[in-house]
Amino acid sequence: MTRHFQNEILRLKKKILHLAAMVEEGLQMAVTSVTDSDRDLAKRVIDADPVIDTWEIEVEEECLKILALHQPVAADLRYIIAVLKINSDLERIADLAVNIAERAEILAGHHDIPFPFDLDEMLELVMKMVRESVDALVSSDQKKAHHVCLSDDAIDSRHEDAFRIVKDKIKSHPELTEYFVSLLSVSTYLERIADHATNIAEDVIYMIEGEIVRHQL
């Protein structure tokens, strides 16, 4: 491996980790905007999305440049492929955080109504999955990545519970339909974010072990 190639890989690592940090921060802000009924914080998440989109493009271009100029093989090739896929998942998490922030603006108008399901727990679990998937990437920790993959079923189960509860609430309180639908949307976005966190963890496992584990766990 040439020094120039090493420098290219190092620069790519810094970029994907910076993007991951921005996405994680944006998701935390979106979550807080819901729990604290904070419209200003929600707007900050929405306004920051173009910056994340720009970084996502930069990371993709960096990966493609390295592939074209250096034609890496084995572990180096796996790393580039994994970063390309992780990059896409991070951008999708950022988009879903924006969706959550947009719903926070609606939910803030009903801040006096308690959540009909344990949204706080779901928020916490999803944030933990995202944080651990990023940590697994940073530290090349396949054990942590495997743990993220095993956590996804719990989120799916909570989303199913939320759907059932919200459906009953809409029947008994049709005047609050917009509020309950917005809440269910947040649950749906969280479930999708958990799927993307799982994708990141699976790509970390591929990067480290050279094994495709999607659909196996």
Protein backbone atom coordinates (compact mmCIF):
# COMPACT_ATOMS: atom_id res chain seq x y z
CA MET A 1 0.00 0.00 0.00
CA THR A 2 1.49 3.34 -1.04
CA ARG A 3 1.63 6.34 1.28
CA HIS A 4 -0.66 8.23 -1.10
CA PHE A 5 -3.28 5.45 -0.88
CA GLN A 6 -2.96 5.40 2.93
CA ASN A 7 -3.59 9.14 3.02
CA GLU A 8 -6.64 8.75 0.78
CA ILE A 9 -8.10 6.06 3.08
CA LEU A 10 -7.40 8.18 6.15
CA ARG A 11 -9.14 11.18 4.59
CA LEU A 12 -12.13 8.99 3.71
CA LYS A 13 -12.33 7.67 7.28
CA LYS A 14 -12.36 11.20 8.65
CA LYS A 15 -15.13 12.22 6.25
CA ILE A 16 -17.44 9.27 6.96
CA LEU A 17 -16.95 9.69 10.72
CA HIS A 18 -17.66 13.40 10.48
CA LEU A 19 -20.83 12.66 8.52
CA ALA A 20 -21.84 10.04 11.10
CA ALA A 21 -21.34 12.54 13.92
CA MET A 22 -23.49 15.15 12.15
CA VAL A 23 -26.25 12.62 11.49
CA GLU A 24 -26.22 11.38 15.08
CA GLU A 25 -26.38 14.94 16.40
CA GLY A 26 -29.24 15.80 14.03
CA LEU A 27 -31.22 12.76 15.09
CA GLN A 28 -30.73 13.59 18.76
CA MET A 29 -31.97 17.12 18.10
CA ALA A 30 -35.00 15.81 16.21
CA VAL A 31 -35.82 13.43 19.06
CA THR A 32 -35.48 16.21 21.61
CA SER A 33 -37.68 18.50 19.52
CA VAL A 34 -40.46 15.92 19.89
CA THR A 35 -40.05 15.21 23.60
CA ASP A 36 -39.62 18.90 24.51
CA SER A 37 -42.15 20.31 21.98
CA ASP A 38 -39.35 22.53 20.69
CA ARG A 39 -40.23 24.07 17.30
CA ASP A 40 -36.98 26.05 17.11
CA LEU A 41 -34.90 22.92 17.53
CA ALA A 42 -36.98 21.15 14.90
CA LYS A 43 -36.30 23.99 12.46
CA ARG A 44 -32.56 23.69 13.09
CA VAL A 45 -32.70 20.02 12.09
CA ILE A 46 -34.59 20.84 8.91
CA ASP A 47 -32.26 23.72 7.98
CA ALA A 48 -29.13 21.58 8.48
CA ASP A 49 -30.19 18.87 6.02
CA PRO A 50 -28.55 20.42 2.90
CA VAL A 51 -25.17 20.37 4.68
CA ILE A 52 -25.50 16.65 5.36
CA ASP A 53 -26.51 16.05 1.73
CA THR A 54 -23.35 17.83 0.60
CA TRP A 55 -21.16 15.70 2.85
CA GLU A 56 -22.86 12.52 1.63
CA ILE A 57 -21.98 13.46 -1.96
CA GLU A 58 -18.39 14.23 -0.99
CA VAL A 59 -17.95 10.85 0.69
CA GLU A 60 -19.38 9.04 -2.34
CA GLU A 61 -17.11 10.95 -4.71
CA GLU A 62 -14.10 10.15 -2.51
CA CYS A 63 -14.95 6.44 -2.60
CA LEU A 64 -15.35 6.41 -6.36
CA LYS A 65 -12.08 8.28 -6.84
CA ILE A 66 -10.18 5.77 -4.70
CA LEU A 67 -11.74 2.85 -6.57
CA ALA A 68 -10.82 4.36 -9.94
CA LEU A 69 -7.27 5.45 -9.09
CA HIS A 70 -6.06 2.63 -6.83
CA GLN A 71 -8.23 -0.40 -7.65
CA PRO A 72 -8.03 -1.73 -4.06
CA VAL A 73 -8.44 -5.43 -3.29
CA ALA A 74 -9.31 -7.65 -0.32
CA ALA A 75 -9.84 -5.78 2.97
CA ASP A 76 -9.28 -2.36 1.39
CA LEU A 77 -11.92 -3.05 -1.25
CA ARG A 78 -14.36 -4.27 1.41
CA TYR A 79 -13.79 -1.09 3.37
CA ILE A 80 -14.58 1.16 0.39
CA ILE A 81 -17.70 -0.84 -0.48
CA ALA A 82 -18.87 -0.73 3.15
CA VAL A 83 -18.32 3.02 3.39
CA LEU A 84 -20.32 3.58 0.19
CA LYS A 85 -23.28 1.67 1.64
CA ILE A 86 -22.96 3.17 5.13
CA ASN A 87 -22.80 6.62 3.58
CA SER A 88 -26.18 6.04 1.93
CA ASP A 89 -27.75 4.74 5.15
CA LEU A 90 -26.49 7.74 7.11
CA GLU A 91 -28.04 10.12 4.59
CA ARG A 92 -31.36 8.27 4.86
CA ILE A 93 -31.24 8.50 8.68
CA ALA A 94 -30.70 12.25 8.32
CA ASP A 95 -33.72 12.50 6.00
CA LEU A 96 -35.85 10.58 8.49
CA ALA A 97 -34.65 12.86 11.30
CA VAL A 98 -35.96 15.78 9.22
CA ASN A 99 -39.28 13.96 8.88
CA ILE A 100 -39.41 13.56 12.67
CA ALA A 101 -38.62 17.25 13.13
CA GLU A 102 -41.43 18.18 10.75
CA ARG A 103 -43.87 16.13 12.84
CA ALA A 104 -42.50 17.77 16.00
CA GLU A 105 -43.83 21.10 14.75
CA ILE A 106 -47.33 19.60 14.57
CA LEU A 107 -47.05 17.73 17.88
CA ALA A 108 -45.92 20.90 19.68
CA GLY A 109 -49.44 22.25 19.23
CA HIS A 110 -50.74 19.42 21.42
CA HIS A 111 -48.00 19.34 24.06
CA ASP A 112 -50.58 18.99 26.84
CA ILE A 113 -51.73 15.56 25.54
CA PRO A 114 -49.69 12.62 26.89
CA PHE A 115 -48.22 10.15 24.42
CA PRO A 116 -50.55 7.09 24.25
CA PHE A 117 -47.60 4.70 23.94
CA ASP A 118 -44.07 4.68 25.34
CA LEU A 119 -42.50 6.90 22.69
CA ASP A 120 -39.66 7.94 25.01
CA GLU A 121 -38.47 4.34 25.33
CA MET A 122 -38.62 3.84 21.58
CA LEU A 123 -36.67 7.05 20.99
CA GLU A 124 -34.02 5.94 23.47
CA LEU A 125 -33.68 2.45 21.97
CA VAL A 126 -33.33 3.76 18.41
CA MET A 127 -30.79 6.39 19.46
CA LYS A 128 -28.80 3.63 21.16
CA MET A 129 -28.86 1.52 17.99
CA VAL A 130 -27.60 4.42 15.86
CA ARG A 131 -24.93 5.30 18.42
CA GLU A 132 -23.72 1.70 18.68
CA SER A 133 -23.66 1.21 14.90
CA VAL A 134 -21.48 4.32 14.55
CA ASP A 135 -19.28 3.20 17.47
CA ALA A 136 -18.89 -0.19 15.79
CA LEU A 137 -17.72 1.58 12.64
CA VAL A 138 -15.28 3.81 14.55
CA SER A 139 -13.75 0.98 16.57
CA SER A 140 -14.20 -1.85 14.00
CA ASP A 141 -16.08 -3.75 16.71
CA GLN A 142 -17.98 -6.69 15.21
CA LYS A 143 -19.39 -7.70 18.61
CA LYS A 144 -21.11 -4.33 18.98
CA ALA A 145 -22.29 -4.54 15.37
CA HIS A 146 -23.87 -7.94 16.02
CA HIS A 147 -25.63 -6.50 19.08
CA VAL A 148 -27.18 -3.75 16.95
CA CYS A 149 -28.52 -6.32 14.50
CA LEU A 150 -30.16 -8.28 17.31
CA SER A 151 -31.86 -5.12 18.66
CA ASP A 152 -33.98 -4.48 15.58
CA ASP A 153 -36.77 -6.92 16.49
CA ALA A 154 -37.51 -4.98 19.68
CA ILE A 155 -38.14 -1.81 17.68
CA ASP A 156 -40.39 -3.65 15.22
CA SER A 157 -42.43 -4.99 18.14
CA ARG A 158 -42.84 -1.54 19.71
CA HIS A 159 -43.91 -0.04 16.40
CA GLU A 160 -46.58 -2.72 16.01
CA ASP A 161 -47.84 -1.90 19.52
CA ALA A 162 -47.90 1.81 18.67
CA PHE A 163 -49.93 1.16 15.52
CA ARG A 164 -52.51 -0.83 17.46
CA ILE A 165 -52.79 1.77 20.23
CA VAL A 166 -53.05 4.72 17.84
CA LYS A 167 -55.72 2.99 15.78
CA ASP A 168 -57.85 2.60 18.93
CA LYS A 169 -57.21 6.20 19.99
CA ILE A 170 -58.34 7.59 16.64
CA LYS A 171 -61.59 5.63 16.95
CA SER A 172 -62.29 7.04 20.42
CA HIS A 173 -60.96 10.58 19.75
CA PRO A 174 -61.48 11.37 16.04
CA GLU A 175 -61.03 15.09 16.72
CA LEU A 176 -57.35 14.35 17.48
CA THR A 177 -56.69 12.34 14.33
CA GLU A 178 -53.94 14.67 13.04
CA TYR A 179 -52.12 14.47 16.37
CA PHE A 180 -52.28 10.66 16.57
CA VAL A 181 -51.33 10.19 12.91
CA SER A 182 -48.31 12.47 13.44
CA LEU A 183 -47.29 10.40 16.46
CA LEU A 184 -47.61 7.20 14.49
CA SER A 185 -45.51 8.76 11.73
CA VAL A 186 -42.73 9.40 14.26
CA SER A 187 -42.91 5.74 15.31
CA THR A 188 -42.72 4.69 11.64
CA TYR A 189 -39.69 6.91 11.02
CA LEU A 190 -37.96 5.51 14.11
CA GLU A 191 -38.60 1.96 12.91
CA ARG A 192 -37.01 2.83 9.56
CA ILE A 193 -34.04 4.48 11.26
CA ALA A 194 -33.52 1.28 13.24
CA ASP A 195 -33.44 -0.62 9.93
CA HIS A 196 -30.75 1.73 8.59
CA ALA A 197 -28.74 1.38 11.81
CA THR A 198 -28.96 -2.39 11.33
CA ASN A 199 -27.76 -2.00 7.74
CA ILE A 200 -24.74 -0.03 8.98
CA ALA A 201 -23.95 -2.71 11.55
CA GLU A 202 -24.22 -5.44 8.91
CA ASP A 203 -21.84 -3.53 6.65
CA VAL A 204 -19.38 -3.15 9.52
CA ILE A 205 -19.47 -6.93 9.97
CA TYR A 206 -18.85 -7.35 6.23
CA MET A 207 -15.99 -4.87 6.39
CA ILE A 208 -14.32 -6.74 9.26
CA GLU A 209 -15.18 -10.37 8.59
CA GLY A 210 -15.75 -10.37 4.84
CA GLU A 211 -19.10 -12.06 5.39
CA ILE A 212 -22.47 -10.82 4.14
CA VAL A 213 -24.85 -11.35 7.08
CA ARG A 214 -27.93 -9.58 5.71
CA HIS A 215 -31.03 -11.82 6.05
CA GLN A 216 -29.08 -14.23 8.25
CA LEU A 217 -29.46 -12.59 11.68
